[in-house]
Amino acid sequence: MKFKKDFIWGAASASYQIEGAKLEDGKSLSVWDAYCMREGAIKKGENADIACDHYHRYKEDVQLMKQIGLQAYRFSTSWPRILPDGTGKI
């Protein structure tokens, strides 16, 4: 398969799958955090409390993306980081 010269290579991530830092900097539990804490809800009781620690390593991660030639990065932010109480001003 060949891609056009102007094809934009990129990466995407989802906050729960990569962030870690479950309760740092004022973040509250997300629906996924709470669900994974339920006994038997997830096989082997695994969770994303640390994940790949993108919350602390985002600068390194972005440098790696740059090194491999990515031109775009689509990411999400955990809503409990923005609205820890679930409501209020942003």
C-alpha atoms as a PDB file:
ATOM      1  CA  MET A   1       0.000   0.000   0.000  1.00  0.00           C
ATOM      2  CA  LYS A   2       1.290   3.453  -0.871  1.00  0.00           C
ATOM      3  CA  PHE A   3       0.263   6.716   0.693  1.00  0.00           C
ATOM      4  CA  LYS A   4       0.219  10.085  -1.035  1.00  0.00           C
ATOM      5  CA  LYS A   5       3.132  12.366  -0.250  1.00  0.00           C
ATOM      6  CA  ASP A   6       0.842  14.780   1.610  1.00  0.00           C
ATOM      7  CA  PHE A   7      -0.718  12.057   3.801  1.00  0.00           C
ATOM      8  CA  ILE A   8      -0.686  13.203   7.438  1.00  0.00           C
ATOM      9  CA  TRP A   9       0.526  10.539   9.844  1.00  0.00           C
ATOM     10  CA  GLY A  10      -0.740  10.844  13.377  1.00  0.00           C
ATOM     11  CA  ALA A  11      -1.634   9.089  16.598  1.00  0.00           C
ATOM     12  CA  ALA A  12      -4.627   9.114  18.906  1.00  0.00           C
ATOM     13  CA  SER A  13      -5.121   8.262  22.546  1.00  0.00           C
ATOM     14  CA  ALA A  14      -7.872   8.059  25.141  1.00  0.00           C
ATOM     15  CA  SER A  15      -7.272   9.599  28.564  1.00  0.00           C
ATOM     16  CA  TYR A  16      -8.261   6.600  30.688  1.00  0.00           C
ATOM     17  CA  GLN A  17      -6.064   4.259  28.671  1.00  0.00           C
ATOM     18  CA  ILE A  18      -2.864   6.308  28.961  1.00  0.00           C
ATOM     19  CA  GLU A  19      -2.974   9.011  31.664  1.00  0.00           C
ATOM     20  CA  GLY A  20      -2.542   7.255  34.980  1.00  0.00           C
ATOM     21  CA  ALA A  21      -2.296   9.750  37.892  1.00  0.00           C
ATOM     22  CA  LYS A  22      -5.728   8.597  39.041  1.00  0.00           C
ATOM     23  CA  LEU A  23      -6.254  11.126  41.848  1.00  0.00           C
ATOM     24  CA  GLU A  24      -3.506  13.691  41.248  1.00  0.00           C
ATOM     25  CA  ASP A  25      -3.866  17.460  40.944  1.00  0.00           C
ATOM     26  CA  GLY A  26      -7.479  17.519  42.101  1.00  0.00           C
ATOM     27  CA  LYS A  27      -8.812  14.839  39.728  1.00  0.00           C
ATOM     28  CA  SER A  28     -11.717  12.814  41.067  1.00  0.00           C
ATOM     29  CA  LEU A  29     -12.707   9.291  40.075  1.00  0.00           C
ATOM     30  CA  SER A  30     -14.068   8.726  36.592  1.00  0.00           C
ATOM     31  CA  VAL A  31     -16.806   6.240  35.795  1.00  0.00           C
ATOM     32  CA  TRP A  32     -14.085   3.841  34.586  1.00  0.00           C
ATOM     33  CA  ASP A  33     -12.011   4.315  37.768  1.00  0.00           C
ATOM     34  CA  ALA A  34     -15.037   3.439  39.885  1.00  0.00           C
ATOM     35  CA  TYR A  35     -16.048   0.512  37.673  1.00  0.00           C
ATOM     36  CA  CYS A  36     -12.573  -1.028  37.762  1.00  0.00           C
ATOM     37  CA  MET A  37     -12.609  -0.862  41.565  1.00  0.00           C
ATOM     38  CA  ARG A  38     -15.637  -3.188  41.691  1.00  0.00           C
ATOM     39  CA  GLU A  39     -14.549  -6.698  42.589  1.00  0.00           C
ATOM     40  CA  GLY A  40     -14.970  -9.016  39.614  1.00  0.00           C
ATOM     41  CA  ALA A  41     -15.804  -6.235  37.158  1.00  0.00           C
ATOM     42  CA  ILE A  42     -12.495  -6.511  35.289  1.00  0.00           C
ATOM     43  CA  LYS A  43     -10.560  -9.706  34.675  1.00  0.00           C
ATOM     44  CA  LYS A  44      -7.553  -9.967  37.007  1.00  0.00           C
ATOM     45  CA  GLY A  45      -8.674  -6.729  38.696  1.00  0.00           C
ATOM     46  CA  GLU A  46      -6.570  -4.660  36.306  1.00  0.00           C
ATOM     47  CA  ASN A  47      -6.990  -0.894  36.110  1.00  0.00           C
ATOM     48  CA  ALA A  48      -5.396   2.206  34.629  1.00  0.00           C
ATOM     49  CA  ASP A  49      -4.217   3.788  37.878  1.00  0.00           C
ATOM     50  CA  ILE A  50      -0.784   4.210  36.278  1.00  0.00           C
ATOM     51  CA  ALA A  51      -1.335   3.037  32.673  1.00  0.00           C
ATOM     52  CA  CYS A  52       1.667   4.247  30.631  1.00  0.00           C
ATOM     53  CA  ASP A  53       1.911   7.321  32.890  1.00  0.00           C
ATOM     54  CA  HIS A  54       1.313   9.808  30.080  1.00  0.00           C
ATOM     55  CA  TYR A  55       0.195  12.385  32.664  1.00  0.00           C
ATOM     56  CA  HIS A  56       3.784  12.615  33.904  1.00  0.00           C
ATOM     57  CA  ARG A  57       5.556  11.651  30.665  1.00  0.00           C
ATOM     58  CA  TYR A  58       3.614  13.607  28.042  1.00  0.00           C
ATOM     59  CA  LYS A  59       6.629  15.716  27.075  1.00  0.00           C
ATOM     60  CA  GLU A  60       8.713  12.586  26.423  1.00  0.00           C
ATOM     61  CA  ASP A  61       5.802  10.971  24.584  1.00  0.00           C
ATOM     62  CA  VAL A  62       5.341  13.988  22.307  1.00  0.00           C
ATOM     63  CA  GLN A  63       9.085  14.012  21.572  1.00  0.00           C
ATOM     64  CA  LEU A  64       8.863  10.333  20.588  1.00  0.00           C
ATOM     65  CA  MET A  65       5.959  11.146  18.263  1.00  0.00           C
ATOM     66  CA  LYS A  66       8.031  13.909  16.722  1.00  0.00           C
ATOM     67  CA  GLN A  67      11.037  11.582  16.318  1.00  0.00           C
ATOM     68  CA  ILE A  68       9.008   9.058  14.343  1.00  0.00           C
ATOM     69  CA  GLY A  69       7.587  11.772  12.109  1.00  0.00           C
ATOM     70  CA  LEU A  70       4.009  12.065  13.326  1.00  0.00           C
ATOM     71  CA  GLN A  71       2.333  15.296  12.293  1.00  0.00           C
ATOM     72  CA  ALA A  72      -0.888  15.063  14.288  1.00  0.00           C
ATOM     73  CA  TYR A  73      -1.945  13.919  17.748  1.00  0.00           C
ATOM     74  CA  ARG A  74      -5.587  13.578  18.826  1.00  0.00           C
ATOM     75  CA  PHE A  75      -5.998  13.162  22.573  1.00  0.00           C
ATOM     76  CA  SER A  76      -8.734  13.325  25.143  1.00  0.00           C
ATOM     77  CA  THR A  77      -8.718  14.763  28.639  1.00  0.00           C
ATOM     78  CA  SER A  78     -10.422  13.095  31.557  1.00  0.00           C
ATOM     79  CA  TRP A  79     -13.506  15.149  32.500  1.00  0.00           C
ATOM     80  CA  PRO A  80     -12.899  14.557  36.231  1.00  0.00           C
ATOM     81  CA  ARG A  81      -9.681  16.593  35.757  1.00  0.00           C
ATOM     82  CA  ILE A  82     -11.716  19.506  34.409  1.00  0.00           C
ATOM     83  CA  LEU A  83     -14.793  19.159  36.643  1.00  0.00           C
ATOM     84  CA  PRO A  84     -13.696  17.143  39.700  1.00  0.00           C
ATOM     85  CA  ASP A  85     -17.107  17.580  41.359  1.00  0.00           C
ATOM     86  CA  GLY A  86     -18.995  16.689  38.194  1.00  0.00           C
ATOM     87  CA  THR A  87     -20.511  20.161  37.897  1.00  0.00           C
ATOM     88  CA  GLY A  88     -19.431  23.772  38.133  1.00  0.00           C
ATOM     89  CA  LYS A  89     -17.520  26.341  36.154  1.00  0.00           C
ATOM     90  CA  ILE A  90     -14.762  25.294  33.814  1.00  0.00           C
END
